[in-house]
Amino acid sequence: MRICPLCNGLEEKEPLCRNCRTIMKDHGRTADYLDDYSAYMEIDTMKLFDGDVASLENHLCVHLFFCPVCLHEETQGIQE
């Protein structure tokens, strides 16, 4: 069984914003933002809708990172 190290608190990732070089904040899985109940649905099922067509087969957990200064958002696949 594979788990996401960010979702499970095993690691932290603080990428720098491409625009202003500020440390971006991890806002969790992109699939959690699809609707009110998506955070409670089966993770592998929600990977079909996370914006990365190969996240399920490549064992990636797609996270949303947000810059609090310039409001830039980006997603990154985290290896499970």
Protein backbone atom coordinates (compact mmCIF):
# COMPACT_ATOMS: atom_id res chain seq x y z
CA MET A 1 0.00 0.00 0.00
CA ARG A 2 1.38 3.38 -1.02
CA ILE A 3 0.75 6.56 0.93
CA CYS A 4 1.40 10.22 0.26
CA PRO A 5 4.16 11.52 2.55
CA LEU A 6 2.65 15.02 2.60
CA CYS A 7 -0.93 13.94 3.37
CA ASN A 8 0.33 11.71 6.17
CA GLY A 9 2.70 14.26 7.74
CA LEU A 10 5.86 12.26 7.00
CA GLU A 11 7.44 15.05 4.93
CA GLU A 12 6.95 18.72 4.23
CA LYS A 13 7.44 20.45 0.91
CA GLU A 14 7.81 24.21 0.59
CA PRO A 15 8.47 25.07 -3.06
CA LEU A 16 9.38 28.61 -4.04
CA CYS A 17 6.89 30.63 -6.06
CA ARG A 18 7.94 31.10 -9.69
CA ASN A 19 6.74 34.71 -9.64
CA CYS A 20 8.01 36.23 -6.39
CA ARG A 21 10.26 33.52 -4.84
CA THR A 22 8.15 33.31 -1.66
CA ILE A 23 7.68 29.93 0.03
CA MET A 24 4.39 28.46 -1.14
CA LYS A 25 1.91 26.77 1.19
CA ASP A 26 0.61 23.23 0.67
CA HIS A 27 -3.18 23.28 0.48
CA GLY A 28 -3.57 19.50 0.16
CA ARG A 29 -4.87 17.28 -2.60
CA THR A 30 -6.44 19.00 -5.61
CA ALA A 31 -9.22 16.39 -5.64
CA ASP A 32 -10.39 17.65 -2.22
CA TYR A 33 -11.52 20.89 -3.87
CA LEU A 34 -13.84 19.37 -6.47
CA ASP A 35 -16.99 19.55 -4.32
CA ASP A 36 -18.18 19.41 -0.71
CA TYR A 37 -17.84 15.62 -0.44
CA SER A 38 -14.76 14.86 -2.54
CA ALA A 39 -12.46 14.84 0.51
CA TYR A 40 -14.44 11.88 1.86
CA MET A 41 -14.44 9.78 -1.31
CA GLU A 42 -12.11 6.90 -2.22
CA ILE A 43 -8.65 8.34 -3.02
CA ASP A 44 -7.97 6.11 -6.03
CA THR A 45 -11.34 7.02 -7.55
CA MET A 46 -10.71 10.73 -7.07
CA LYS A 47 -7.35 10.43 -8.85
CA LEU A 48 -9.35 10.05 -12.05
CA PHE A 49 -10.42 13.69 -11.64
CA ASP A 50 -7.35 15.39 -10.13
CA GLY A 51 -6.04 16.96 -13.34
CA ASP A 52 -3.25 14.44 -13.99
CA VAL A 53 -4.40 11.64 -16.29
CA ALA A 54 -1.60 9.32 -15.13
CA SER A 55 -1.64 9.99 -11.38
CA LEU A 56 -3.33 6.68 -10.53
CA GLU A 57 -0.96 4.47 -12.50
CA ASN A 58 2.15 6.52 -11.59
CA HIS A 59 1.23 6.59 -7.86
CA LEU A 60 1.15 10.37 -7.60
CA CYS A 61 -0.84 12.47 -5.17
CA VAL A 62 -1.48 15.84 -6.86
CA HIS A 63 -1.22 18.72 -4.38
CA LEU A 64 -2.20 22.36 -4.70
CA PHE A 65 0.44 24.89 -3.64
CA PHE A 66 -0.49 28.53 -3.05
CA CYS A 67 1.64 31.67 -2.74
CA PRO A 68 0.31 33.97 0.00
CA VAL A 69 2.07 37.03 -1.49
CA CYS A 70 1.23 37.06 -5.22
CA LEU A 71 -1.65 34.52 -5.07
CA HIS A 72 -0.03 32.22 -7.64
CA GLU A 73 -1.31 28.63 -7.58
CA GLU A 74 0.30 25.52 -9.01
CA THR A 75 -0.04 21.78 -8.71
CA GLN A 76 2.68 19.22 -8.17
CA GLY A 77 2.56 15.45 -8.22
CA ILE A 78 3.99 13.94 -5.05
CA GLN A 79 5.35 10.41 -5.31
CA GLU A 80 3.53 7.98 -3.04
